[in-house]
Amino acid sequence: MKTPVAVTLIIMGSVIIITPAISDYLFQVNVVTLLAKTGAPTVTLEGRMSDLYRIGCWAAGLGMVGVAVFCSLVQGHASVRQETVATHGA
C-alpha cells in the first residue's frame, strides 16, 4: 500500500474512533450551557449518539487503521524478500 494512502487511512480511522468521545463532550457542553442560560434545575436534550452508532464508529475506525497497518506490514515483508533475492541472486 502506498504511504499516503496508509497515512490517510490511519488519520481518518483515528478521527472516526474519536468521534463518539467528541460527541459526548459537545453534548455535555450543550447541557451545561443550557442550564447556565435558563437556570432550570433539569434539561432534556434529544439527539444523543446511540450505542449502536458508537460501536459502528469504533469498528469502522479500527478496521481502517487495521487495514493500513496490515497492508503496510505485508508490503514491507514483500519488499524485504525482493531485496534479499536481488542481492543473493546477483
C-alpha atoms as a PDB file:
ATOM      1  CA  MET A   1       0.000   0.000   0.000  1.00  0.00           C
ATOM      2  CA  LYS A   2       1.279   3.444  -0.844  1.00  0.00           C
ATOM      3  CA  THR A   3       2.379   5.537   2.113  1.00  0.00           C
ATOM      4  CA  PRO A   4      -0.058   8.458   1.549  1.00  0.00           C
ATOM      5  CA  VAL A   5      -2.985   6.023   1.424  1.00  0.00           C
ATOM      6  CA  ALA A   6      -1.864   4.289   4.627  1.00  0.00           C
ATOM      7  CA  VAL A   7      -1.381   7.601   6.425  1.00  0.00           C
ATOM      8  CA  THR A   8      -4.804   8.803   5.277  1.00  0.00           C
ATOM      9  CA  LEU A   9      -6.455   5.578   6.480  1.00  0.00           C
ATOM     10  CA  ILE A  10      -4.769   5.859   9.873  1.00  0.00           C
ATOM     11  CA  ILE A  11      -5.690   9.531  10.327  1.00  0.00           C
ATOM     12  CA  MET A  12      -9.296   9.146   9.195  1.00  0.00           C
ATOM     13  CA  GLY A  13      -9.704   5.928  11.183  1.00  0.00           C
ATOM     14  CA  SER A  14      -8.468   7.741  14.270  1.00  0.00           C
ATOM     15  CA  VAL A  15     -10.917  10.588  13.643  1.00  0.00           C
ATOM     16  CA  ILE A  16     -13.792   8.107  13.326  1.00  0.00           C
ATOM     17  CA  ILE A  17     -12.699   6.309  16.511  1.00  0.00           C
ATOM     18  CA  ILE A  18     -12.631   9.574  18.489  1.00  0.00           C
ATOM     19  CA  THR A  19     -15.995  10.812  17.113  1.00  0.00           C
ATOM     20  CA  PRO A  20     -18.095   9.324  19.975  1.00  0.00           C
ATOM     21  CA  ALA A  21     -15.889  10.994  22.600  1.00  0.00           C
ATOM     22  CA  ILE A  22     -16.157  14.357  20.850  1.00  0.00           C
ATOM     23  CA  SER A  23     -19.913  13.905  20.539  1.00  0.00           C
ATOM     24  CA  ASP A  24     -20.230  13.199  24.284  1.00  0.00           C
ATOM     25  CA  TYR A  25     -18.131  16.253  25.098  1.00  0.00           C
ATOM     26  CA  LEU A  26     -20.211  18.541  22.883  1.00  0.00           C
ATOM     27  CA  PHE A  27     -23.427  17.093  24.339  1.00  0.00           C
ATOM     28  CA  GLN A  28     -22.225  17.879  27.864  1.00  0.00           C
ATOM     29  CA  VAL A  29     -21.180  21.385  26.832  1.00  0.00           C
ATOM     30  CA  ASN A  30     -24.655  21.986  25.402  1.00  0.00           C
ATOM     31  CA  VAL A  31     -26.310  20.737  28.599  1.00  0.00           C
ATOM     32  CA  VAL A  32     -24.145  22.937  30.815  1.00  0.00           C
ATOM     33  CA  THR A  33     -24.676  25.975  28.577  1.00  0.00           C
ATOM     34  CA  LEU A  34     -28.422  25.448  28.551  1.00  0.00           C
ATOM     35  CA  LEU A  35     -28.507  25.013  32.340  1.00  0.00           C
ATOM     36  CA  ALA A  36     -26.463  28.174  32.838  1.00  0.00           C
ATOM     37  CA  LYS A  37     -28.598  30.268  30.479  1.00  0.00           C
ATOM     38  CA  THR A  38     -32.012  29.143  31.688  1.00  0.00           C
ATOM     39  CA  GLY A  39     -31.285  28.496  35.338  1.00  0.00           C
ATOM     40  CA  ALA A  40     -33.544  25.435  35.179  1.00  0.00           C
ATOM     41  CA  PRO A  41     -32.780  22.547  37.541  1.00  0.00           C
ATOM     42  CA  THR A  42     -33.087  19.947  34.757  1.00  0.00           C
ATOM     43  CA  VAL A  43     -32.632  19.885  30.997  1.00  0.00           C
ATOM     44  CA  THR A  44     -33.670  17.304  28.421  1.00  0.00           C
ATOM     45  CA  LEU A  45     -31.868  17.274  25.083  1.00  0.00           C
ATOM     46  CA  GLU A  46     -32.599  14.902  22.218  1.00  0.00           C
ATOM     47  CA  GLY A  47     -30.010  13.665  19.781  1.00  0.00           C
ATOM     48  CA  ARG A  48     -27.557  11.783  21.931  1.00  0.00           C
ATOM     49  CA  MET A  49     -25.468   9.288  19.940  1.00  0.00           C
ATOM     50  CA  SER A  50     -26.865   5.756  20.141  1.00  0.00           C
ATOM     51  CA  ASP A  51     -24.769   2.843  21.355  1.00  0.00           C
ATOM     52  CA  LEU A  52     -25.077   1.058  18.009  1.00  0.00           C
ATOM     53  CA  TYR A  53     -23.722   4.086  16.157  1.00  0.00           C
ATOM     54  CA  ARG A  54     -20.955   4.411  18.748  1.00  0.00           C
ATOM     55  CA  ILE A  55     -19.893   0.780  18.240  1.00  0.00           C
ATOM     56  CA  GLY A  56     -20.092   1.262  14.476  1.00  0.00           C
ATOM     57  CA  CYS A  57     -17.720   4.220  14.654  1.00  0.00           C
ATOM     58  CA  TRP A  58     -15.235   2.264  16.730  1.00  0.00           C
ATOM     59  CA  ALA A  59     -15.427  -0.774  14.440  1.00  0.00           C
ATOM     60  CA  ALA A  60     -15.086   1.248  11.227  1.00  0.00           C
ATOM     61  CA  GLY A  61     -12.161   3.281  12.568  1.00  0.00           C
ATOM     62  CA  LEU A  62     -10.421   0.221  13.935  1.00  0.00           C
ATOM     63  CA  GLY A  63     -10.941  -1.535  10.604  1.00  0.00           C
ATOM     64  CA  MET A  64      -9.412   1.364   8.683  1.00  0.00           C
ATOM     65  CA  VAL A  65      -6.372   1.542  10.944  1.00  0.00           C
ATOM     66  CA  GLY A  66      -6.026  -2.255  10.907  1.00  0.00           C
ATOM     67  CA  VAL A  67      -6.125  -2.441   7.101  1.00  0.00           C
ATOM     68  CA  ALA A  68      -3.499   0.296   6.804  1.00  0.00           C
ATOM     69  CA  VAL A  69      -1.163  -1.361   9.299  1.00  0.00           C
ATOM     70  CA  PHE A  70      -1.675  -4.855   7.875  1.00  0.00           C
ATOM     71  CA  CYS A  71      -1.124  -3.786   4.262  1.00  0.00           C
ATOM     72  CA  SER A  72       1.943  -1.758   5.231  1.00  0.00           C
ATOM     73  CA  LEU A  73       3.439  -4.756   7.040  1.00  0.00           C
ATOM     74  CA  VAL A  74       2.691  -7.127   4.171  1.00  0.00           C
ATOM     75  CA  GLN A  75       4.195  -4.703   1.676  1.00  0.00           C
ATOM     76  CA  GLY A  76       7.253  -4.268   3.918  1.00  0.00           C
ATOM     77  CA  HIS A  77       7.835  -8.033   4.080  1.00  0.00           C
ATOM     78  CA  ALA A  78       7.412  -8.346   0.302  1.00  0.00           C
ATOM     79  CA  SER A  79       9.972  -5.611  -0.392  1.00  0.00           C
ATOM     80  CA  VAL A  80      12.463  -7.200   2.032  1.00  0.00           C
ATOM     81  CA  ARG A  81      12.082 -10.530   0.223  1.00  0.00           C
ATOM     82  CA  GLN A  82      12.608  -8.865  -3.155  1.00  0.00           C
ATOM     83  CA  GLU A  83      15.737  -7.093  -1.929  1.00  0.00           C
ATOM     84  CA  THR A  84      17.089 -10.338  -0.455  1.00  0.00           C
ATOM     85  CA  VAL A  85      16.518 -12.224  -3.711  1.00  0.00           C
ATOM     86  CA  ALA A  86      18.079  -9.384  -5.719  1.00  0.00           C
ATOM     87  CA  THR A  87      21.247  -9.237  -3.597  1.00  0.00           C
ATOM     88  CA  HIS A  88      21.730 -13.006  -3.283  1.00  0.00           C
ATOM     89  CA  GLY A  89      20.826 -13.751  -6.888  1.00  0.00           C
ATOM     90  CA  ALA A  90      23.388 -11.353  -8.344  1.00  0.00           C
END
